[in-house]
Protein backbone atom coordinates (compact mmCIF):
# COMPACT_ATOMS: atom_id res chain seq x y z
CA UNK A 1 -48.36 -24.73 12.76
CA UNK A 2 -47.17 -26.63 9.67
CA UNK A 3 -48.27 -30.23 9.27
CA UNK A 4 -46.26 -32.72 11.31
CA UNK A 5 -43.83 -35.07 9.70
CA UNK A 6 -40.37 -35.66 8.23
CA UNK A 7 -39.35 -34.41 4.81
CA UNK A 8 -35.99 -35.44 3.28
CA UNK A 9 -34.55 -32.92 0.80
CA UNK A 10 -31.82 -34.22 -1.49
CA UNK A 11 -28.94 -32.02 -2.58
CA UNK A 12 -29.65 -32.81 -6.27
CA UNK A 13 -33.21 -31.49 -5.91
CA UNK A 14 -32.26 -28.04 -4.59
CA UNK A 15 -32.36 -24.93 -6.77
CA UNK A 16 -28.99 -24.26 -8.41
CA UNK A 17 -27.55 -20.85 -9.36
CA UNK A 18 -24.29 -20.62 -11.35
CA UNK A 19 -22.26 -17.56 -12.27
CA UNK A 20 -18.59 -17.12 -13.24
CA UNK A 21 -16.56 -18.65 -10.41
CA UNK A 22 -19.65 -19.08 -8.20
CA UNK A 23 -22.15 -21.80 -7.41
CA UNK A 24 -25.05 -21.77 -4.96
CA UNK A 25 -27.50 -24.51 -3.97
CA UNK A 26 -30.62 -23.08 -2.38
CA UNK A 27 -32.74 -25.09 0.05
CA UNK A 28 -35.70 -22.72 -0.26
CA UNK A 29 -37.17 -20.40 -2.86
CA UNK A 30 -34.56 -17.72 -3.59
CA UNK A 31 -34.23 -14.97 -6.23
CA UNK A 32 -35.39 -16.28 -9.62
CA UNK A 33 -36.13 -19.68 -8.11
CA UNK A 34 -39.63 -19.78 -6.66
CA UNK A 35 -41.76 -22.61 -5.39
CA UNK A 36 -44.74 -21.47 -3.27
CA UNK A 37 -44.62 -24.77 -1.40
CA UNK A 38 -40.96 -24.31 -0.44
CA UNK A 39 -40.35 -20.90 1.11
CA UNK A 40 -39.22 -21.66 4.68
CA UNK A 41 -38.82 -24.14 7.51
CA UNK A 42 -39.77 -22.74 10.87
CA UNK A 43 -37.87 -19.45 11.17
CA UNK A 44 -35.46 -20.27 8.33
CA UNK A 45 -36.17 -18.37 5.13
CA UNK A 46 -32.90 -19.03 3.25
CA UNK A 47 -30.25 -21.77 3.52
CA UNK A 48 -27.61 -21.40 0.82
CA UNK A 49 -24.63 -23.67 0.23
CA UNK A 50 -22.06 -21.52 -1.58
CA UNK A 51 -18.80 -22.22 -3.40
CA UNK A 52 -16.73 -19.23 -4.49
CA UNK A 53 -13.52 -19.32 -6.44
CA UNK A 54 -10.65 -17.12 -5.16
CA UNK A 55 -11.52 -13.41 -5.49
CA UNK A 56 -15.13 -14.10 -6.53
CA UNK A 57 -18.16 -13.08 -4.52
CA UNK A 58 -20.89 -10.49 -3.96
CA UNK A 59 -20.36 -6.71 -4.00
CA UNK A 60 -22.17 -4.43 -1.55
CA UNK A 61 -25.87 -5.23 -1.38
CA UNK A 62 -28.65 -4.36 1.07
CA UNK A 63 -30.49 -6.48 3.67
CA UNK A 64 -33.18 -5.46 6.10
CA UNK A 65 -34.74 -7.18 9.14
CA UNK A 66 -32.98 -10.49 8.86
CA UNK A 67 -30.73 -12.57 11.11
CA UNK A 68 -27.92 -13.78 8.84
CA UNK A 69 -25.62 -16.58 10.02
CA UNK A 70 -22.59 -17.67 7.97
CA UNK A 71 -20.67 -20.91 8.66
CA UNK A 72 -17.41 -21.39 6.69
CA UNK A 73 -16.49 -24.94 5.66
CA UNK A 74 -13.26 -24.35 3.70
CA UNK A 75 -11.12 -21.50 2.36
CA UNK A 76 -11.77 -18.07 3.88
CA UNK A 77 -14.53 -15.50 3.41
CA UNK A 78 -13.84 -11.75 3.49
CA UNK A 79 -16.77 -9.80 4.88
CA UNK A 80 -17.20 -5.98 4.98
CA UNK A 81 -20.24 -3.86 5.58
CA UNK A 82 -21.58 -0.34 5.79
CA UNK A 83 -21.13 -0.18 9.55
CA UNK A 84 -17.36 -0.23 8.92
CA UNK A 85 -16.89 -3.79 10.13
CA UNK A 86 -14.48 -6.15 8.35
CA UNK A 87 -13.85 -9.83 9.12
CA UNK A 88 -11.97 -12.73 7.51
CA UNK A 89 -14.06 -15.77 8.41
CA UNK A 90 -12.17 -19.10 8.38
CA UNK A 91 -13.34 -22.73 8.71
CA UNK A 92 -14.81 -23.34 12.14
CA UNK A 93 -15.78 -19.67 12.55
CA UNK A 94 -19.23 -18.21 12.43
CA UNK A 95 -20.34 -14.70 11.36
CA UNK A 96 -23.59 -13.28 12.65
CA UNK A 97 -25.21 -10.20 11.08
CA UNK A 98 -28.47 -8.64 12.38
CA UNK A 99 -29.54 -6.48 9.51
CA UNK A 100 -32.05 -4.44 11.48
CA UNK A 101 -33.21 -1.26 9.77
CA UNK A 102 -30.80 -1.89 6.92
CA UNK A 103 -27.15 -2.71 6.26
CA UNK A 104 -25.08 -3.24 3.10
CA UNK A 105 -22.44 -5.94 3.03
CA UNK A 106 -20.05 -7.59 0.61
CA UNK A 107 -18.59 -11.08 0.65
CA UNK A 108 -15.63 -12.44 -1.33
CA UNK A 109 -13.49 -15.56 -1.23
CA UNK A 110 -10.05 -14.61 0.01
CA UNK A 111 -7.58 -14.91 -2.90
CA UNK A 112 -4.87 -16.53 -0.75
CA UNK A 113 -7.11 -19.25 0.70
CA UNK A 114 -8.32 -21.01 -2.45
CA UNK A 115 -11.88 -21.93 -3.21
CA UNK A 116 -14.22 -21.07 -0.33
CA UNK A 117 -17.32 -23.03 0.68
CA UNK A 118 -19.74 -21.61 3.23
CA UNK A 119 -23.32 -22.08 4.32
CA UNK A 120 -25.35 -18.92 4.79
CA UNK A 121 -28.65 -19.04 6.65
CA UNK A 122 -31.29 -16.32 6.99
CA UNK A 123 -33.91 -16.21 9.76
CA UNK A 124 -36.96 -14.05 10.24
CA UNK A 125 -36.40 -11.40 12.95
CA UNK A 126 -38.02 -11.53 16.35
CA UNK A 127 -41.26 -9.68 16.83
CA UNK A 128 -40.57 -6.07 17.68
CA UNK A 129 -36.94 -6.13 16.57
CA UNK A 130 -37.63 -4.67 13.08
CA UNK A 131 -35.86 -1.40 12.57
CA UNK A 132 -33.20 -1.93 15.20
CA UNK A 133 -29.61 -0.83 14.57
CA UNK A 134 -27.65 -3.44 12.61
CA UNK A 135 -25.14 -5.54 14.54
CA UNK A 136 -22.28 -7.87 13.50
CA UNK A 137 -20.21 -10.38 15.40
CA UNK A 138 -17.73 -13.12 14.49
CA UNK A 139 -16.31 -15.93 16.62
CA UNK A 140 -14.21 -19.05 16.26
CA UNK A 141 -16.12 -21.97 17.66
CA UNK A 142 -13.88 -24.83 16.51
CA UNK A 143 -12.33 -25.12 20.02
CA UNK A 144 -15.80 -25.91 21.35
CA UNK A 145 -16.42 -28.74 18.86
CA UNK A 146 -15.80 -32.19 20.34
CA UNK A 147 -16.33 -35.36 18.42
CA UNK A 148 -19.89 -36.71 18.82
CA UNK A 149 -21.06 -33.79 20.99
CA UNK A 150 -23.13 -30.93 19.53
CA UNK A 151 -21.76 -27.41 20.02
CA UNK A 152 -24.10 -24.39 20.14
CA UNK A 153 -22.86 -21.93 17.48
CA UNK A 154 -25.57 -19.28 17.73
CA UNK A 155 -28.68 -19.02 19.86
CA UNK A 156 -31.31 -16.50 20.89
CA UNK A 157 -31.57 -18.30 24.24
CA UNK A 158 -28.77 -16.96 26.43
CA UNK A 159 -28.88 -20.09 28.63
CA UNK A 160 -27.77 -22.19 25.63
CA UNK A 161 -24.63 -20.25 24.82
CA UNK A 162 -21.32 -21.86 25.75
CA UNK A 163 -17.69 -21.37 24.77
CA UNK A 164 -17.48 -19.56 21.42
CA UNK A 165 -21.24 -19.35 20.75
CA UNK A 166 -22.83 -16.12 19.60
CA UNK A 167 -26.16 -14.57 20.58
CA UNK A 168 -28.72 -13.74 17.89
CA UNK A 169 -31.76 -11.52 18.11
CA UNK A 170 -34.18 -14.42 17.57
CA UNK A 171 -35.07 -16.12 20.85
CA UNK A 172 -36.81 -19.01 19.08
CA UNK A 173 -33.74 -20.37 17.24
CA UNK A 174 -30.52 -22.22 18.06
CA UNK A 175 -27.92 -23.55 15.64
CA UNK A 176 -25.75 -26.51 16.69
CA UNK A 177 -22.93 -28.22 14.82
CA UNK A 178 -21.94 -31.77 15.46
CA UNK A 179 -19.28 -34.12 14.04
CA UNK A 180 -20.20 -37.77 13.95
CA UNK A 181 -17.96 -40.70 13.17
CA UNK A 182 -19.06 -44.12 11.96
CA UNK A 183 -21.52 -45.66 14.39
CA UNK A 184 -21.77 -42.57 16.66
CA UNK A 185 -25.41 -41.67 17.52
CA UNK A 186 -27.07 -38.43 18.47
CA UNK A 187 -30.67 -37.87 19.55
CA UNK A 188 -32.19 -34.79 17.91
CA UNK A 189 -33.95 -32.20 20.08
CA UNK A 190 -37.72 -32.60 20.17
CA UNK A 191 -38.33 -29.07 18.89
CA UNK A 192 -41.42 -27.96 16.99
CA UNK A 193 -39.23 -27.37 13.94
CA UNK A 194 -35.84 -28.92 13.09
CA UNK A 195 -33.76 -28.36 10.00
CA UNK A 196 -30.82 -30.78 9.74
CA UNK A 197 -28.24 -30.26 7.02
CA UNK A 198 -25.35 -32.68 6.24
CA UNK A 199 -22.55 -30.31 5.36
CA UNK A 200 -19.99 -33.09 4.99
CA UNK A 201 -19.98 -36.88 5.05
CA UNK A 202 -23.05 -39.04 5.55
CA UNK A 203 -25.41 -40.01 8.36
CA UNK A 204 -28.50 -42.15 8.78
CA UNK A 205 -31.71 -40.67 10.12
CA UNK A 206 -33.49 -43.10 12.45
CA UNK A 207 -37.13 -42.77 13.40
CA UNK A 208 -39.37 -45.57 14.66
CA UNK A 209 -42.22 -44.59 12.32
CA UNK A 210 -40.32 -44.88 9.05
CA UNK A 211 -37.52 -46.72 7.30
CA UNK A 212 -34.02 -45.38 7.89
CA UNK A 213 -32.94 -42.56 5.57
CA UNK A 214 -29.29 -42.20 4.49
CA UNK A 215 -28.32 -38.51 4.14
CA UNK A 216 -25.25 -37.62 2.08
CA UNK A 217 -23.30 -34.38 1.76
CA UNK A 218 -25.69 -31.59 0.84
CA UNK A 219 -28.84 -33.46 1.87
CA UNK A 220 -31.20 -32.07 4.50
CA UNK A 221 -34.18 -33.20 6.52
CA UNK A 222 -36.99 -31.07 7.91
CA UNK A 223 -38.78 -32.33 11.01
CA UNK A 224 -42.03 -30.76 12.22
CA UNK A 225 -43.50 -31.82 15.50
CA UNK A 226 -41.40 -35.03 15.61
CA UNK A 227 -40.88 -36.25 19.17
CA UNK A 228 -38.05 -38.74 18.61
CA UNK A 229 -35.38 -39.07 15.92
CA UNK A 230 -31.68 -39.94 15.90
CA UNK A 231 -28.69 -39.50 13.64
CA UNK A 232 -26.12 -42.23 13.23
CA UNK A 233 -22.75 -41.41 11.60
CA UNK A 234 -21.68 -43.31 8.50
CA UNK A 235 -18.77 -41.53 6.82
CA UNK A 236 -17.18 -38.85 9.02
CA UNK A 237 -19.85 -36.14 9.03
CA UNK A 238 -20.36 -32.50 9.96
CA UNK A 239 -23.99 -31.64 10.52
CA UNK A 240 -25.70 -28.27 11.00
CA UNK A 241 -28.89 -28.47 13.09
CA UNK A 242 -31.39 -25.63 13.53
CA UNK A 243 -33.74 -26.05 16.47
CA UNK A 244 -36.65 -23.64 16.23
CA UNK A 245 -39.64 -23.04 18.51
CA UNK A 246 -41.81 -20.93 16.24
CA UNK A 247 -42.50 -20.02 12.61
CA UNK A 248 -42.26 -16.22 13.34
């Protein structure tokens, strides 16, 4: 298991990729950006914060043996893939793609919806699931989001799924989203691995063994083997929290 502790990752320190009408901030090594000390957190192997201008995006490209989860923050994202599936994913909706033995997909910002921001996250597959048929699913989870209460968006643990949540083929991982207002507090799960990303607003991370850390939009914190930590809302915040119980 990785060494225990808390690591704060600032948005300005992430790898940045720019292309015409496109910008991506990478939380881990990705493509031409490589740092051998920063390749994953628990089961997460990619965590990309994307902004696409209308009509811009990625043509068909191949993935294998990955669980891909996409959370749209603004605009609308058009998805299509080689299984014949198509989906227009709007804010408050999640897209889940299990690549299995191989699937091609394309993603573009819908021209009518303006600039599109989304967070795309890749996880290692579960043992024994390599080579399975690809699967895709999309759901609106905004109705399940209540101020100050985390909502399970995707999980490999069927007992964790509630209204609007999607199952993924990785039993060791659960993604929750929470909205925190000023002064609202939330205790983080005491999981072996936690990846907490401030998608919007700002929060303070509270842990009795260190000074408080203020996390702004685009900042993240990685917690390994931390028994107790809390978030306290500052500016109205939307936070994505991965709870993971293994590294593979």
